[in-house]
N, C-alpha and C. Protein backbone atom coordinates (compact mmCIF):
# COMPACT_ATOMS: atom_id res chain seq x y z
N MET A 1 -6.88 -24.87 -2.36
CA MET A 1 -6.52 -24.12 -1.18
C MET A 1 -7.54 -24.44 -0.08
N LYS A 2 -7.04 -24.61 1.11
CA LYS A 2 -7.92 -24.94 2.23
C LYS A 2 -8.76 -23.73 2.63
N ASN A 3 -9.92 -24.01 3.22
CA ASN A 3 -10.82 -22.94 3.67
C ASN A 3 -10.15 -22.04 4.69
N SER A 4 -9.34 -22.64 5.58
CA SER A 4 -8.69 -21.83 6.61
C SER A 4 -7.74 -20.82 5.97
N SER A 5 -7.08 -21.20 4.90
CA SER A 5 -6.18 -20.26 4.21
C SER A 5 -6.97 -19.16 3.51
N LYS A 6 -8.06 -19.53 2.86
CA LYS A 6 -8.87 -18.54 2.14
C LYS A 6 -9.45 -17.49 3.08
N ILE A 7 -10.02 -17.96 4.18
CA ILE A 7 -10.68 -17.04 5.11
C ILE A 7 -9.68 -16.10 5.78
N ILE A 8 -8.49 -16.62 6.06
CA ILE A 8 -7.45 -15.77 6.67
C ILE A 8 -6.98 -14.72 5.67
N ILE A 9 -6.83 -15.12 4.41
CA ILE A 9 -6.40 -14.15 3.39
C ILE A 9 -7.42 -13.03 3.26
N TRP A 10 -8.70 -13.37 3.24
CA TRP A 10 -9.74 -12.33 3.14
C TRP A 10 -9.70 -11.39 4.33
N SER A 11 -9.58 -11.95 5.54
CA SER A 11 -9.60 -11.11 6.74
C SER A 11 -8.31 -10.32 6.90
N ALA A 12 -7.20 -10.86 6.42
CA ALA A 12 -5.92 -10.18 6.61
C ALA A 12 -5.69 -9.07 5.59
N PHE A 13 -6.04 -9.33 4.34
CA PHE A 13 -5.64 -8.40 3.29
C PHE A 13 -6.76 -7.55 2.72
N VAL A 14 -8.01 -7.92 2.94
CA VAL A 14 -9.11 -7.10 2.43
C VAL A 14 -9.59 -6.16 3.53
N PHE A 15 -10.13 -6.73 4.60
CA PHE A 15 -10.61 -5.93 5.73
C PHE A 15 -10.94 -6.90 6.86
N PRO A 16 -10.67 -6.54 8.11
CA PRO A 16 -11.04 -7.44 9.21
C PRO A 16 -12.53 -7.78 9.16
N GLY A 17 -12.85 -9.04 9.17
CA GLY A 17 -14.24 -9.49 9.12
C GLY A 17 -14.70 -9.92 7.74
N ALA A 18 -13.95 -9.59 6.70
CA ALA A 18 -14.35 -9.93 5.33
C ALA A 18 -14.41 -11.45 5.14
N GLY A 19 -13.45 -12.15 5.67
CA GLY A 19 -13.44 -13.61 5.54
C GLY A 19 -14.62 -14.25 6.24
N GLN A 20 -14.95 -13.76 7.42
CA GLN A 20 -16.09 -14.29 8.16
C GLN A 20 -17.38 -14.07 7.37
N ILE A 21 -17.54 -12.90 6.78
CA ILE A 21 -18.76 -12.60 6.02
C ILE A 21 -18.85 -13.50 4.79
N ILE A 22 -17.77 -13.65 4.07
CA ILE A 22 -17.79 -14.47 2.85
C ILE A 22 -18.08 -15.94 3.17
N PHE A 23 -17.62 -16.42 4.31
CA PHE A 23 -17.84 -17.82 4.69
C PHE A 23 -19.05 -17.98 5.60
N ASN A 24 -20.04 -17.10 5.44
CA ASN A 24 -21.36 -17.19 6.08
C ASN A 24 -21.34 -17.11 7.61
N HIS A 25 -20.43 -16.37 8.16
CA HIS A 25 -20.47 -16.02 9.58
C HIS A 25 -20.64 -14.51 9.65
N LYS A 26 -21.79 -14.09 9.14
CA LYS A 26 -22.04 -12.66 8.93
C LYS A 26 -22.06 -11.83 10.20
N ARG A 27 -22.65 -12.35 11.25
CA ARG A 27 -22.73 -11.58 12.50
C ARG A 27 -21.33 -11.33 13.07
N ARG A 28 -20.51 -12.37 13.10
CA ARG A 28 -19.15 -12.21 13.60
C ARG A 28 -18.37 -11.25 12.70
N GLY A 29 -18.53 -11.42 11.39
CA GLY A 29 -17.83 -10.56 10.45
C GLY A 29 -18.21 -9.11 10.60
N MET A 30 -19.51 -8.85 10.77
CA MET A 30 -19.97 -7.47 10.91
C MET A 30 -19.45 -6.83 12.20
N ILE A 31 -19.28 -7.62 13.23
CA ILE A 31 -18.71 -7.08 14.48
C ILE A 31 -17.28 -6.62 14.22
N PHE A 32 -16.49 -7.44 13.52
CA PHE A 32 -15.11 -7.05 13.23
C PHE A 32 -15.06 -5.86 12.27
N VAL A 33 -15.94 -5.82 11.29
CA VAL A 33 -16.00 -4.69 10.36
C VAL A 33 -16.33 -3.42 11.14
N PHE A 34 -17.33 -3.48 12.01
CA PHE A 34 -17.74 -2.32 12.79
C PHE A 34 -16.59 -1.83 13.67
N LEU A 35 -15.93 -2.75 14.38
CA LEU A 35 -14.83 -2.35 15.25
C LEU A 35 -13.67 -1.74 14.46
N ALA A 36 -13.37 -2.33 13.32
CA ALA A 36 -12.29 -1.80 12.49
C ALA A 36 -12.64 -0.41 11.95
N LEU A 37 -13.91 -0.22 11.56
CA LEU A 37 -14.33 1.10 11.07
C LEU A 37 -14.28 2.15 12.18
N VAL A 38 -14.67 1.77 13.39
CA VAL A 38 -14.61 2.71 14.51
C VAL A 38 -13.15 3.10 14.78
N CYS A 39 -12.26 2.13 14.79
CA CYS A 39 -10.84 2.42 15.00
C CYS A 39 -10.27 3.28 13.88
N THR A 40 -10.67 3.00 12.64
CA THR A 40 -10.20 3.78 11.51
C THR A 40 -10.71 5.21 11.57
N LEU A 41 -11.97 5.37 11.95
CA LEU A 41 -12.53 6.71 12.12
C LEU A 41 -11.80 7.47 13.24
N ALA A 42 -11.52 6.79 14.33
CA ALA A 42 -10.79 7.42 15.43
C ALA A 42 -9.39 7.83 14.97
N LEU A 43 -8.75 6.99 14.17
CA LEU A 43 -7.43 7.32 13.63
C LEU A 43 -7.51 8.58 12.77
N PHE A 44 -8.51 8.65 11.90
CA PHE A 44 -8.68 9.82 11.05
C PHE A 44 -8.92 11.08 11.88
N ILE A 45 -9.77 10.98 12.88
CA ILE A 45 -10.08 12.13 13.73
C ILE A 45 -8.84 12.61 14.47
N VAL A 46 -8.08 11.67 15.02
CA VAL A 46 -6.85 12.05 15.73
C VAL A 46 -5.86 12.72 14.79
N LEU A 47 -5.70 12.17 13.58
CA LEU A 47 -4.76 12.76 12.63
C LEU A 47 -5.18 14.18 12.23
N VAL A 48 -6.44 14.35 11.90
CA VAL A 48 -6.89 15.67 11.44
C VAL A 48 -6.85 16.69 12.58
N LYS A 49 -7.40 16.32 13.73
CA LYS A 49 -7.46 17.26 14.85
C LYS A 49 -6.06 17.64 15.33
N SER A 50 -5.20 16.67 15.47
CA SER A 50 -3.85 16.93 15.94
C SER A 50 -3.06 17.76 14.93
N SER A 51 -3.22 17.44 13.65
CA SER A 51 -2.51 18.22 12.62
C SER A 51 -2.97 19.67 12.61
N LEU A 52 -4.28 19.87 12.69
CA LEU A 52 -4.79 21.24 12.69
C LEU A 52 -4.34 22.02 13.92
N MET A 53 -4.35 21.36 15.07
CA MET A 53 -3.90 22.03 16.30
C MET A 53 -2.42 22.40 16.19
N ASN A 54 -1.63 21.49 15.64
CA ASN A 54 -0.19 21.75 15.49
C ASN A 54 0.04 22.90 14.52
N LEU A 55 -0.67 22.91 13.41
CA LEU A 55 -0.51 23.99 12.44
C LEU A 55 -0.97 25.33 13.01
N GLU A 56 -2.06 25.30 13.77
CA GLU A 56 -2.54 26.54 14.39
C GLU A 56 -1.52 27.07 15.39
N HIS A 57 -0.94 26.18 16.17
CA HIS A 57 0.07 26.58 17.14
C HIS A 57 1.28 27.21 16.44
N ARG A 58 1.72 26.58 15.36
CA ARG A 58 2.86 27.11 14.62
C ARG A 58 2.53 28.48 14.01
N ALA A 59 1.30 28.64 13.53
CA ALA A 59 0.90 29.92 12.96
C ALA A 59 0.86 31.01 14.04
N LEU A 60 0.40 30.65 15.25
CA LEU A 60 0.38 31.62 16.35
C LEU A 60 1.78 32.04 16.77
N LEU A 61 2.74 31.13 16.59
CA LEU A 61 4.13 31.47 16.91
C LEU A 61 4.78 32.30 15.81
N GLY A 62 4.07 32.50 14.72
CA GLY A 62 4.59 33.33 13.65
C GLY A 62 5.33 32.56 12.56
N GLU A 63 5.31 31.27 12.63
CA GLU A 63 5.98 30.47 11.59
C GLU A 63 5.14 30.51 10.31
N THR A 64 5.84 30.44 9.21
CA THR A 64 5.11 30.35 7.94
C THR A 64 4.72 28.89 7.72
N ILE A 65 3.52 28.70 7.22
CA ILE A 65 3.02 27.35 6.97
C ILE A 65 3.25 27.03 5.50
N ASP A 66 4.19 26.13 5.26
CA ASP A 66 4.44 25.67 3.90
C ASP A 66 4.23 24.16 3.85
N ILE A 67 4.51 23.57 2.72
CA ILE A 67 4.26 22.14 2.54
C ILE A 67 5.12 21.31 3.50
N SER A 68 6.32 21.75 3.77
CA SER A 68 7.21 21.03 4.69
C SER A 68 6.63 21.04 6.10
N THR A 69 6.14 22.18 6.54
CA THR A 69 5.53 22.30 7.86
C THR A 69 4.27 21.45 7.95
N PHE A 70 3.52 21.43 6.86
CA PHE A 70 2.30 20.62 6.80
C PHE A 70 2.62 19.14 7.00
N PHE A 71 3.63 18.64 6.28
CA PHE A 71 3.98 17.23 6.41
C PHE A 71 4.61 16.90 7.77
N LYS A 72 5.34 17.84 8.34
CA LYS A 72 5.87 17.64 9.69
C LYS A 72 4.73 17.51 10.69
N SER A 73 3.69 18.32 10.50
CA SER A 73 2.53 18.27 11.37
C SER A 73 1.82 16.92 11.26
N ILE A 74 1.69 16.41 10.03
CA ILE A 74 1.06 15.10 9.85
C ILE A 74 1.92 14.01 10.47
N PHE A 75 3.24 14.09 10.32
CA PHE A 75 4.13 13.11 10.92
C PHE A 75 4.00 13.12 12.44
N PHE A 76 3.94 14.31 13.04
CA PHE A 76 3.74 14.43 14.48
C PHE A 76 2.43 13.77 14.90
N SER A 77 1.39 13.97 14.11
CA SER A 77 0.09 13.38 14.40
C SER A 77 0.14 11.86 14.30
N LEU A 78 0.88 11.35 13.34
CA LEU A 78 1.04 9.89 13.22
C LEU A 78 1.74 9.30 14.44
N MET A 79 2.69 10.02 14.98
CA MET A 79 3.38 9.53 16.18
C MET A 79 2.42 9.49 17.36
N LEU A 80 1.52 10.45 17.45
CA LEU A 80 0.51 10.46 18.49
C LEU A 80 -0.47 9.31 18.29
N ALA A 81 -0.90 9.10 17.05
CA ALA A 81 -1.84 8.02 16.75
C ALA A 81 -1.22 6.66 17.00
N LYS A 82 0.08 6.55 16.77
CA LYS A 82 0.78 5.29 16.98
C LYS A 82 0.65 4.81 18.43
N LYS A 83 0.60 5.74 19.34
CA LYS A 83 0.52 5.39 20.75
C LYS A 83 -0.89 5.01 21.19
N TYR A 84 -1.90 5.71 20.64
CA TYR A 84 -3.24 5.58 21.20
C TYR A 84 -4.25 4.88 20.30
N VAL A 85 -4.15 5.04 18.99
CA VAL A 85 -5.20 4.55 18.10
C VAL A 85 -4.78 3.27 17.36
N LEU A 86 -3.56 3.16 16.96
CA LEU A 86 -3.14 1.99 16.20
C LEU A 86 -3.17 0.68 17.00
N PRO A 87 -2.84 0.66 18.29
CA PRO A 87 -2.93 -0.61 19.03
C PRO A 87 -4.33 -1.24 19.03
N PRO A 88 -5.42 -0.47 19.27
CA PRO A 88 -6.74 -1.11 19.18
C PRO A 88 -7.06 -1.61 17.77
N LEU A 89 -6.65 -0.86 16.75
CA LEU A 89 -6.89 -1.31 15.38
C LEU A 89 -6.12 -2.59 15.09
N PHE A 90 -4.89 -2.67 15.54
CA PHE A 90 -4.09 -3.89 15.37
C PHE A 90 -4.73 -5.05 16.13
N LEU A 91 -5.25 -4.79 17.31
CA LEU A 91 -5.89 -5.85 18.10
C LEU A 91 -7.14 -6.38 17.40
N VAL A 92 -7.95 -5.50 16.83
CA VAL A 92 -9.14 -5.94 16.08
C VAL A 92 -8.71 -6.80 14.90
N TRP A 93 -7.69 -6.37 14.18
CA TRP A 93 -7.18 -7.12 13.03
C TRP A 93 -6.68 -8.50 13.46
N LEU A 94 -5.92 -8.54 14.56
CA LEU A 94 -5.38 -9.81 15.05
C LEU A 94 -6.49 -10.75 15.51
N LEU A 95 -7.46 -10.23 16.25
CA LEU A 95 -8.59 -11.07 16.69
C LEU A 95 -9.40 -11.58 15.50
N SER A 96 -9.53 -10.76 14.48
CA SER A 96 -10.22 -11.19 13.26
C SER A 96 -9.48 -12.35 12.60
N LEU A 97 -8.17 -12.28 12.57
CA LEU A 97 -7.38 -13.36 11.98
C LEU A 97 -7.50 -14.65 12.79
N ILE A 98 -7.45 -14.53 14.10
CA ILE A 98 -7.57 -15.72 14.96
C ILE A 98 -8.95 -16.35 14.77
N ASP A 99 -9.99 -15.52 14.75
CA ASP A 99 -11.34 -16.03 14.55
C ASP A 99 -11.48 -16.66 13.17
N ALA A 100 -10.90 -16.04 12.16
CA ALA A 100 -10.96 -16.58 10.80
C ALA A 100 -10.26 -17.93 10.74
N TRP A 101 -9.14 -18.05 11.40
CA TRP A 101 -8.41 -19.32 11.41
C TRP A 101 -9.26 -20.41 12.08
N GLN A 102 -9.91 -20.06 13.19
CA GLN A 102 -10.76 -21.04 13.88
C GLN A 102 -11.93 -21.48 13.01
N ILE A 103 -12.59 -20.54 12.34
CA ILE A 103 -13.70 -20.87 11.45
C ILE A 103 -13.20 -21.75 10.31
N GLY A 104 -12.08 -21.37 9.71
CA GLY A 104 -11.52 -22.14 8.62
C GLY A 104 -11.13 -23.54 9.03
N SER A 105 -10.59 -23.69 10.24
CA SER A 105 -10.22 -25.02 10.72
C SER A 105 -11.44 -25.92 10.88
N VAL A 106 -12.53 -25.35 11.38
CA VAL A 106 -13.77 -26.13 11.50
C VAL A 106 -14.29 -26.51 10.13
N LEU A 107 -14.27 -25.58 9.18
CA LEU A 107 -14.75 -25.86 7.83
C LEU A 107 -13.88 -26.91 7.14
N ASP A 108 -12.58 -26.89 7.41
CA ASP A 108 -11.68 -27.88 6.81
C ASP A 108 -11.95 -29.29 7.32
N LYS A 109 -12.44 -29.41 8.56
CA LYS A 109 -12.69 -30.72 9.16
C LYS A 109 -14.02 -31.32 8.70
N LYS A 110 -14.94 -30.45 8.23
CA LYS A 110 -16.24 -30.95 7.77
C LYS A 110 -16.05 -31.70 6.46
N PRO A 111 -16.80 -32.80 6.29
CA PRO A 111 -16.71 -33.49 5.00
C PRO A 111 -17.37 -32.67 3.90
N ALA A 112 -16.84 -32.78 2.68
CA ALA A 112 -17.38 -32.04 1.55
C ALA A 112 -18.77 -32.56 1.21
N ASP A 113 -19.67 -31.63 0.87
CA ASP A 113 -21.05 -32.04 0.52
C ASP A 113 -21.12 -32.62 -0.86
């Protein structure tokens, strides 16, 4: 398997930046890991905060909070996150793949030691 394929698989399916780190581009890899973690943390915060606010609002209106209401609240939060948090996370992932492909292409062109 070519290096470009290996590095893309690591960055695509393990975590953004994993391929760069494994193929000794640690600084670049850590930047992608950091950005992906920040986006993931933001996603978690948006989901939890929005779900809790929605559940609190429903409780103030006198609705009973059951498992169905809980999952509806999480679904509502996911729709909110889809607009604001998932695009940056997708962009980090995509940039990591492009960078991994470029690194792999350079490594494929180098003669074997």
